[in-house]
C-alpha atoms as a PDB file:
ATOM      1  CA  MET A   1      24.742  18.215 -67.221  1.00  0.00           C
ATOM      2  CA  GLU A   2      22.159  19.213 -64.631  1.00  0.00           C
ATOM      3  CA  SER A   3      23.624  20.932 -61.573  1.00  0.00           C
ATOM      4  CA  LYS A   4      22.319  20.009 -58.158  1.00  0.00           C
ATOM      5  CA  LYS A   5      21.389  22.830 -55.769  1.00  0.00           C
ATOM      6  CA  LEU A   6      23.668  22.689 -52.747  1.00  0.00           C
ATOM      7  CA  ILE A   7      22.344  23.152 -49.237  1.00  0.00           C
ATOM      8  CA  HIS A   8      24.326  25.643 -47.171  1.00  0.00           C
ATOM      9  CA  SER A   9      24.895  25.708 -43.399  1.00  0.00           C
ATOM     10  CA  ASN A  10      21.868  27.858 -42.618  1.00  0.00           C
ATOM     11  CA  GLU A  11      19.695  25.446 -44.616  1.00  0.00           C
ATOM     12  CA  TYR A  12      20.730  22.057 -43.181  1.00  0.00           C
ATOM     13  CA  HIS A  13      17.271  21.733 -41.639  1.00  0.00           C
ATOM     14  CA  LEU A  14      15.976  21.301 -45.208  1.00  0.00           C
ATOM     15  CA  VAL A  15      17.733  17.945 -45.637  1.00  0.00           C
ATOM     16  CA  ASP A  16      15.183  15.131 -45.833  1.00  0.00           C
ATOM     17  CA  PRO A  17      15.182  13.231 -42.486  1.00  0.00           C
ATOM     18  CA  SER A  18      14.900   9.881 -44.288  1.00  0.00           C
ATOM     19  CA  VAL A  19      18.099  10.684 -46.210  1.00  0.00           C
ATOM     20  CA  ILE A  20      19.869  11.583 -42.955  1.00  0.00           C
ATOM     21  CA  HIS A  21      18.774   8.242 -41.470  1.00  0.00           C
ATOM     22  CA  GLU A  22      19.972   6.303 -44.506  1.00  0.00           C
ATOM     23  CA  GLU A  23      23.362   8.047 -44.525  1.00  0.00           C
ATOM     24  CA  VAL A  24      23.874   7.395 -40.799  1.00  0.00           C
ATOM     25  CA  LYS A  25      23.140   3.736 -41.557  1.00  0.00           C
ATOM     26  CA  HIS A  26      25.847   3.789 -44.270  1.00  0.00           C
ATOM     27  CA  MET A  27      28.293   5.452 -41.864  1.00  0.00           C
ATOM     28  CA  THR A  28      27.660   2.828 -39.153  1.00  0.00           C
ATOM     29  CA  GLU A  29      28.225   0.046 -41.669  1.00  0.00           C
ATOM     30  CA  SER A  30      31.406   1.691 -43.025  1.00  0.00           C
ATOM     31  CA  LEU A  31      32.804   1.969 -39.496  1.00  0.00           C
ATOM     32  CA  GLY A  32      32.029  -1.695 -38.838  1.00  0.00           C
ATOM     33  CA  MET A  33      29.656  -0.831 -36.017  1.00  0.00           C
ATOM     34  CA  ALA A  34      27.046  -3.368 -34.945  1.00  0.00           C
ATOM     35  CA  ALA A  35      24.460  -0.591 -34.551  1.00  0.00           C
ATOM     36  CA  GLY A  36      24.103   3.179 -34.646  1.00  0.00           C
ATOM     37  CA  SER A  37      21.677   3.195 -31.758  1.00  0.00           C
ATOM     38  CA  VAL A  38      22.238   1.179 -28.583  1.00  0.00           C
ATOM     39  CA  GLY A  39      21.209   2.221 -25.082  1.00  0.00           C
ATOM     40  CA  ASP A  40      22.432   5.761 -24.473  1.00  0.00           C
ATOM     41  CA  PHE A  41      24.342   5.848 -27.809  1.00  0.00           C
ATOM     42  CA  ASP A  42      22.163   7.096 -30.672  1.00  0.00           C
ATOM     43  CA  LEU A  43      23.934   8.438 -33.752  1.00  0.00           C
ATOM     44  CA  TYR A  44      20.623   8.647 -35.611  1.00  0.00           C
ATOM     45  CA  LYS A  45      19.136  11.058 -33.086  1.00  0.00           C
ATOM     46  CA  VAL A  46      22.324  13.095 -32.614  1.00  0.00           C
ATOM     47  CA  ILE A  47      22.939  13.638 -36.315  1.00  0.00           C
ATOM     48  CA  SER A  48      19.277  14.187 -37.159  1.00  0.00           C
ATOM     49  CA  THR A  49      18.977  16.735 -34.340  1.00  0.00           C
ATOM     50  CA  TYR A  50      22.194  18.476 -35.422  1.00  0.00           C
ATOM     51  CA  PHE A  51      20.796  18.908 -38.919  1.00  0.00           C
ATOM     52  CA  THR A  52      17.213  19.822 -38.109  1.00  0.00           C
ATOM     53  CA  ASP A  53      17.231  21.783 -34.836  1.00  0.00           C
ATOM     54  CA  MET A  54      19.229  24.997 -35.142  1.00  0.00           C
ATOM     55  CA  GLU A  55      19.028  25.855 -31.428  1.00  0.00           C
ATOM     56  CA  LYS A  56      20.315  22.441 -30.366  1.00  0.00           C
ATOM     57  CA  ARG A  57      23.037  22.609 -33.055  1.00  0.00           C
ATOM     58  CA  HIS A  58      24.159  25.910 -31.550  1.00  0.00           C
ATOM     59  CA  LYS A  59      24.254  24.337 -28.054  1.00  0.00           C
ATOM     60  CA  ILE A  60      26.205  21.324 -29.337  1.00  0.00           C
ATOM     61  CA  ASN A  61      28.682  23.660 -31.054  1.00  0.00           C
ATOM     62  CA  GLU A  62      29.127  25.599 -27.806  1.00  0.00           C
ATOM     63  CA  LEU A  63      29.694  22.368 -25.869  1.00  0.00           C
ATOM     64  CA  LEU A  64      32.334  21.223 -28.381  1.00  0.00           C
ATOM     65  CA  HIS A  65      33.884  24.703 -28.700  1.00  0.00           C
ATOM     66  CA  ILE A  66      33.085  24.867 -32.401  1.00  0.00           C
ATOM     67  CA  PRO A  67      33.233  28.539 -33.456  1.00  0.00           C
ATOM     68  CA  GLU A  68      30.292  29.749 -35.485  1.00  0.00           C
ATOM     69  CA  ASP A  69      28.664  32.837 -36.845  1.00  0.00           C
ATOM     70  CA  ALA A  70      25.300  32.447 -35.188  1.00  0.00           C
ATOM     71  CA  SER A  71      23.782  35.692 -36.447  1.00  0.00           C
ATOM     72  CA  PHE A  72      21.154  33.806 -38.471  1.00  0.00           C
ATOM     73  CA  TYR A  73      19.952  32.066 -35.287  1.00  0.00           C
ATOM     74  CA  TYR A  74      18.567  35.348 -34.088  1.00  0.00           C
ATOM     75  CA  GLU A  75      16.861  36.505 -37.274  1.00  0.00           C
ATOM     76  CA  LYS A  76      13.078  36.536 -37.105  1.00  0.00           C
END
């Protein structure tokens, strides 16, 4: 059995954007939503940004009071 390499929290930006889009589509369908993007409601953009932009993820976490160890944000 071949094991699949798991992506960890400091590597979420490595997830393929087309896979993120497809999974958001599945989520919208599972929730019985007519669309994942309407007017000022855009799950595709929110989730894609959360995965791919570490600075914006940090800001979203702060806004939602999600505790995090952000030490890797500051590594150069």
